[in-house]
């Protein structure tokens, strides 16, 4: 499965999940100064889906 296919399937699943449980999507803005932990936060969030290094 390519990265693009995975992204499309993930988006479809999340849309169905949000619709099924009558939930609204959220957007989080993590912009800021250099060396403030933005990349670390993204790696932490990615670890929910698996190893962020893969």
PDB file of N, CA and C in Angstrom:
ATOM      1  N   UNK A   1       0.847  -1.171   0.000  1.00  0.00           N
ATOM      2  CA  UNK A   1       0.000   0.000   0.000  1.00  0.00           C
ATOM      3  C   UNK A   1       0.897   1.239   0.000  1.00  0.00           C
ATOM      4  N   UNK A   2       0.612   2.166  -0.878  1.00  0.00           N
ATOM      5  CA  UNK A   2       1.406   3.390  -0.945  1.00  0.00           C
ATOM      6  C   UNK A   2       0.993   4.353   0.155  1.00  0.00           C
ATOM      7  N   UNK A   3       1.815   5.351   0.387  1.00  0.00           N
ATOM      8  CA  UNK A   3       1.504   6.378   1.393  1.00  0.00           C
ATOM      9  C   UNK A   3       0.205   7.101   1.042  1.00  0.00           C
ATOM     10  N   UNK A   4       0.008   7.352  -0.238  1.00  0.00           N
ATOM     11  CA  UNK A   4      -1.209   8.054  -0.661  1.00  0.00           C
ATOM     12  C   UNK A   4      -2.450   7.202  -0.416  1.00  0.00           C
ATOM     13  N   UNK A   5      -2.370   5.912  -0.728  1.00  0.00           N
ATOM     14  CA  UNK A   5      -3.502   5.020  -0.486  1.00  0.00           C
ATOM     15  C   UNK A   5      -3.805   4.945   1.003  1.00  0.00           C
ATOM     16  N   UNK A   6      -2.747   4.816   1.819  1.00  0.00           N
ATOM     17  CA  UNK A   6      -2.950   4.770   3.264  1.00  0.00           C
ATOM     18  C   UNK A   6      -3.647   6.029   3.753  1.00  0.00           C
ATOM     19  N   UNK A   7      -3.214   7.178   3.260  1.00  0.00           N
ATOM     20  CA  UNK A   7      -3.801   8.445   3.669  1.00  0.00           C
ATOM     21  C   UNK A   7      -5.281   8.527   3.286  1.00  0.00           C
ATOM     22  N   UNK A   8      -5.611   8.056   2.100  1.00  0.00           N
ATOM     23  CA  UNK A   8      -7.008   8.076   1.663  1.00  0.00           C
ATOM     24  C   UNK A   8      -7.871   7.155   2.517  1.00  0.00           C
ATOM     25  N   UNK A   9      -7.381   5.938   2.802  1.00  0.00           N
ATOM     26  CA  UNK A   9      -8.131   5.007   3.646  1.00  0.00           C
ATOM     27  C   UNK A   9      -8.289   5.549   5.056  1.00  0.00           C
ATOM     28  N   UNK A  10      -7.230   6.160   5.580  1.00  0.00           N
ATOM     29  CA  UNK A  10      -7.287   6.737   6.925  1.00  0.00           C
ATOM     30  C   UNK A  10      -8.333   7.842   6.984  1.00  0.00           C
ATOM     31  N   UNK A  11      -8.331   8.715   5.984  1.00  0.00           N
ATOM     32  CA  UNK A  11      -9.300   9.805   5.948  1.00  0.00           C
ATOM     33  C   UNK A  11     -10.728   9.287   5.849  1.00  0.00           C
ATOM     34  N   UNK A  12     -10.936   8.279   5.031  1.00  0.00           N
ATOM     35  CA  UNK A  12     -12.270   7.686   4.904  1.00  0.00           C
ATOM     36  C   UNK A  12     -12.725   7.088   6.229  1.00  0.00           C
ATOM     37  N   UNK A  13     -11.837   6.334   6.878  1.00  0.00           N
ATOM     38  CA  UNK A  13     -12.179   5.739   8.166  1.00  0.00           C
ATOM     39  C   UNK A  13     -12.527   6.809   9.199  1.00  0.00           C
ATOM     40  N   UNK A  14     -11.708   7.855   9.265  1.00  0.00           N
ATOM     41  CA  UNK A  14     -11.959   8.902  10.253  1.00  0.00           C
ATOM     42  C   UNK A  14     -13.260   9.640   9.978  1.00  0.00           C
ATOM     43  N   UNK A  15     -13.573   9.881   8.709  1.00  0.00           N
ATOM     44  CA  UNK A  15     -14.843  10.540   8.376  1.00  0.00           C
ATOM     45  C   UNK A  15     -16.025   9.689   8.812  1.00  0.00           C
ATOM     46  N   UNK A  16     -15.962   8.368   8.541  1.00  0.00           N
ATOM     47  CA  UNK A  16     -17.043   7.475   8.948  1.00  0.00           C
ATOM     48  C   UNK A  16     -17.156   7.400  10.466  1.00  0.00           C
ATOM     49  N   UNK A  17     -16.016   7.341  11.147  1.00  0.00           N
ATOM     50  CA  UNK A  17     -15.995   7.292  12.606  1.00  0.00           C
ATOM     51  C   UNK A  17     -16.628   8.548  13.203  1.00  0.00           C
ATOM     52  N   UNK A  18     -16.208   9.707  12.708  1.00  0.00           N
ATOM     53  CA  UNK A  18     -16.758  10.963  13.227  1.00  0.00           C
ATOM     54  C   UNK A  18     -18.256  11.063  12.962  1.00  0.00           C
ATOM     55  N   UNK A  19     -18.684  10.636  11.783  1.00  0.00           N
ATOM     56  CA  UNK A  19     -20.104  10.682  11.440  1.00  0.00           C
ATOM     57  C   UNK A  19     -20.914   9.733  12.321  1.00  0.00           C
ATOM     58  N   UNK A  20     -20.406   8.524  12.506  1.00  0.00           N
ATOM     59  CA  UNK A  20     -21.115   7.502  13.281  1.00  0.00           C
ATOM     60  C   UNK A  20     -21.353   7.938  14.725  1.00  0.00           C
ATOM     61  N   UNK A  21     -20.381   8.611  15.317  1.00  0.00           N
ATOM     62  CA  UNK A  21     -20.499   9.031  16.709  1.00  0.00           C
ATOM     63  C   UNK A  21     -20.887  10.501  16.848  1.00  0.00           C
ATOM     64  N   UNK A  22     -21.334  11.098  15.750  1.00  0.00           N
ATOM     65  CA  UNK A  22     -21.799  12.490  15.727  1.00  0.00           C
ATOM     66  C   UNK A  22     -20.780  13.428  16.387  1.00  0.00           C
ATOM     67  N   UNK A  23     -19.521  13.301  15.956  1.00  0.00           N
ATOM     68  CA  UNK A  23     -18.435  14.112  16.492  1.00  0.00           C
ATOM     69  C   UNK A  23     -17.972  15.106  15.443  1.00  0.00           C
ATOM     70  N   UNK A  24     -17.403  16.185  15.888  1.00  0.00           N
ATOM     71  CA  UNK A  24     -16.847  17.194  14.998  1.00  0.00           C
ATOM     72  C   UNK A  24     -15.325  17.053  14.963  1.00  0.00           C
ATOM     73  N   UNK A  25     -14.716  17.257  13.795  1.00  0.00           N
ATOM     74  CA  UNK A  25     -13.249  17.184  13.734  1.00  0.00           C
ATOM     75  C   UNK A  25     -12.612  18.373  14.451  1.00  0.00           C
ATOM     76  N   UNK A  26     -11.366  18.206  14.857  1.00  0.00           N
ATOM     77  CA  UNK A  26     -10.640  19.302  15.502  1.00  0.00           C
ATOM     78  C   UNK A  26      -9.374  19.606  14.709  1.00  0.00           C
ATOM     79  N   UNK A  27      -8.929  20.827  14.808  1.00  0.00           N
ATOM     80  CA  UNK A  27      -7.682  21.251  14.181  1.00  0.00           C
ATOM     81  C   UNK A  27      -6.841  21.902  15.272  1.00  0.00           C
ATOM     82  N   UNK A  28      -5.583  21.514  15.348  1.00  0.00           N
ATOM     83  CA  UNK A  28      -4.677  22.058  16.353  1.00  0.00           C
ATOM     84  C   UNK A  28      -3.542  22.767  15.639  1.00  0.00           C
ATOM     85  N   UNK A  29      -3.334  24.038  15.969  1.00  0.00           N
ATOM     86  CA  UNK A  29      -2.240  24.824  15.385  1.00  0.00           C
ATOM     87  C   UNK A  29      -1.055  24.753  16.325  1.00  0.00           C
ATOM     88  N   UNK A  30       0.059  24.198  15.840  1.00  0.00           N
ATOM     89  CA  UNK A  30       1.244  24.068  16.697  1.00  0.00           C
ATOM     90  C   UNK A  30       2.410  24.889  16.158  1.00  0.00           C
ATOM     91  N   UNK A  31       2.097  26.031  15.567  1.00  0.00           N
ATOM     92  CA  UNK A  31       3.177  26.890  15.075  1.00  0.00           C
ATOM     93  C   UNK A  31       3.841  27.589  16.263  1.00  0.00           C
ATOM     94  N   UNK A  32       5.074  27.969  16.072  1.00  0.00           N
ATOM     95  CA  UNK A  32       5.768  28.653  17.155  1.00  0.00           C
ATOM     96  C   UNK A  32       7.244  28.828  16.846  1.00  0.00           C
ATOM     97  N   UNK A  33       7.960  29.295  17.842  1.00  0.00           N
ATOM     98  CA  UNK A  33       9.391  29.550  17.716  1.00  0.00           C
ATOM     99  C   UNK A  33      10.168  28.257  17.500  1.00  0.00           C
ATOM    100  N   UNK A  34      11.350  28.383  16.956  1.00  0.00           N
ATOM    101  CA  UNK A  34      12.245  27.251  16.754  1.00  0.00           C
ATOM    102  C   UNK A  34      12.634  26.649  18.098  1.00  0.00           C
ATOM    103  N   UNK A  35      12.816  25.321  18.122  1.00  0.00           N
ATOM    104  CA  UNK A  35      13.232  24.597  19.329  1.00  0.00           C
ATOM    105  C   UNK A  35      12.223  24.703  20.468  1.00  0.00           C
ATOM    106  N   UNK A  36      10.944  24.743  20.106  1.00  0.00           N
ATOM    107  CA  UNK A  36       9.928  24.808  21.158  1.00  0.00           C
ATOM    108  C   UNK A  36       9.198  23.480  21.341  1.00  0.00           C
ATOM    109  N   UNK A  37       9.637  22.394  20.632  1.00  0.00           N
ATOM    110  CA  UNK A  37       9.054  21.078  20.845  1.00  0.00           C
ATOM    111  C   UNK A  37       7.997  20.652  19.844  1.00  0.00           C
ATOM    112  N   UNK A  38       7.869  21.367  18.728  1.00  0.00           N
ATOM    113  CA  UNK A  38       6.833  21.032  17.744  1.00  0.00           C
ATOM    114  C   UNK A  38       7.051  19.654  17.133  1.00  0.00           C
ATOM    115  N   UNK A  39       8.269  19.338  16.749  1.00  0.00           N
ATOM    116  CA  UNK A  39       8.557  18.030  16.142  1.00  0.00           C
ATOM    117  C   UNK A  39       8.345  16.907  17.142  1.00  0.00           C
ATOM    118  N   UNK A  40       8.733  17.123  18.365  1.00  0.00           N
ATOM    119  CA  UNK A  40       8.522  16.115  19.409  1.00  0.00           C
ATOM    120  C   UNK A  40       7.047  15.848  19.636  1.00  0.00           C
ATOM    121  N   UNK A  41       6.242  16.896  19.607  1.00  0.00           N
ATOM    122  CA  UNK A  41       4.803  16.740  19.764  1.00  0.00           C
ATOM    123  C   UNK A  41       4.216  15.947  18.606  1.00  0.00           C
ATOM    124  N   UNK A  42       4.675  16.227  17.382  1.00  0.00           N
ATOM    125  CA  UNK A  42       4.187  15.477  16.223  1.00  0.00           C
ATOM    126  C   UNK A  42       4.580  14.004  16.312  1.00  0.00           C
ATOM    127  N   UNK A  43       5.803  13.708  16.766  1.00  0.00           N
ATOM    128  CA  UNK A  43       6.223  12.318  16.947  1.00  0.00           C
ATOM    129  C   UNK A  43       5.387  11.623  18.017  1.00  0.00           C
ATOM    130  N   UNK A  44       5.058  12.329  19.069  1.00  0.00           N
ATOM    131  CA  UNK A  44       4.214  11.769  20.118  1.00  0.00           C
ATOM    132  C   UNK A  44       2.831  11.436  19.567  1.00  0.00           C
ATOM    133  N   UNK A  45       2.249  12.342  18.808  1.00  0.00           N
ATOM    134  CA  UNK A  45       0.936  12.109  18.208  1.00  0.00           C
ATOM    135  C   UNK A  45       0.974  10.954  17.215  1.00  0.00           C
ATOM    136  N   UNK A  46       2.031  10.863  16.437  1.00  0.00           N
ATOM    137  CA  UNK A  46       2.166   9.784  15.459  1.00  0.00           C
ATOM    138  C   UNK A  46       2.341   8.438  16.138  1.00  0.00           C
ATOM    139  N   UNK A  47       2.866   8.415  17.350  1.00  0.00           N
ATOM    140  CA  UNK A  47       3.101   7.155  18.036  1.00  0.00           C
ATOM    141  C   UNK A  47       1.790   6.463  18.412  1.00  0.00           C
ATOM    142  N   UNK A  48       0.683   7.175  18.398  1.00  0.00           N
ATOM    143  CA  UNK A  48      -0.613   6.568  18.652  1.00  0.00           C
ATOM    144  C   UNK A  48      -0.942   5.549  17.558  1.00  0.00           C
ATOM    145  N   UNK A  49      -0.486   5.817  16.337  1.00  0.00           N
ATOM    146  CA  UNK A  49      -0.750   4.935  15.196  1.00  0.00           C
ATOM    147  C   UNK A  49       0.321   3.867  15.022  1.00  0.00           C
ATOM    148  N   UNK A  50       1.416   3.973  15.727  1.00  0.00           N
ATOM    149  CA  UNK A  50       2.516   3.014  15.609  1.00  0.00           C
ATOM    150  C   UNK A  50       3.822   3.721  15.851  1.00  0.00           C
ATOM    151  N   UNK A  51       4.893   3.086  15.452  1.00  0.00           N
ATOM    152  CA  UNK A  51       6.207   3.668  15.639  1.00  0.00           C
ATOM    153  C   UNK A  51       6.378   4.892  14.735  1.00  0.00           C
ATOM    154  N   UNK A  52       6.677   6.076  15.279  1.00  0.00           N
ATOM    155  CA  UNK A  52       6.802   7.274  14.450  1.00  0.00           C
ATOM    156  C   UNK A  52       8.026   7.257  13.537  1.00  0.00           C
ATOM    157  N   UNK A  53       8.957   6.351  13.776  1.00  0.00           N
ATOM    158  CA  UNK A  53      10.161   6.262  12.940  1.00  0.00           C
ATOM    159  C   UNK A  53       9.925   5.447  11.669  1.00  0.00           C
ATOM    160  N   UNK A  54       8.807   4.737  11.571  1.00  0.00           N
ATOM    161  CA  UNK A  54       8.530   3.892  10.391  1.00  0.00           C
ATOM    162  C   UNK A  54       7.661   4.606   9.396  1.00  0.00           C
TER     163      UNK A  54
END
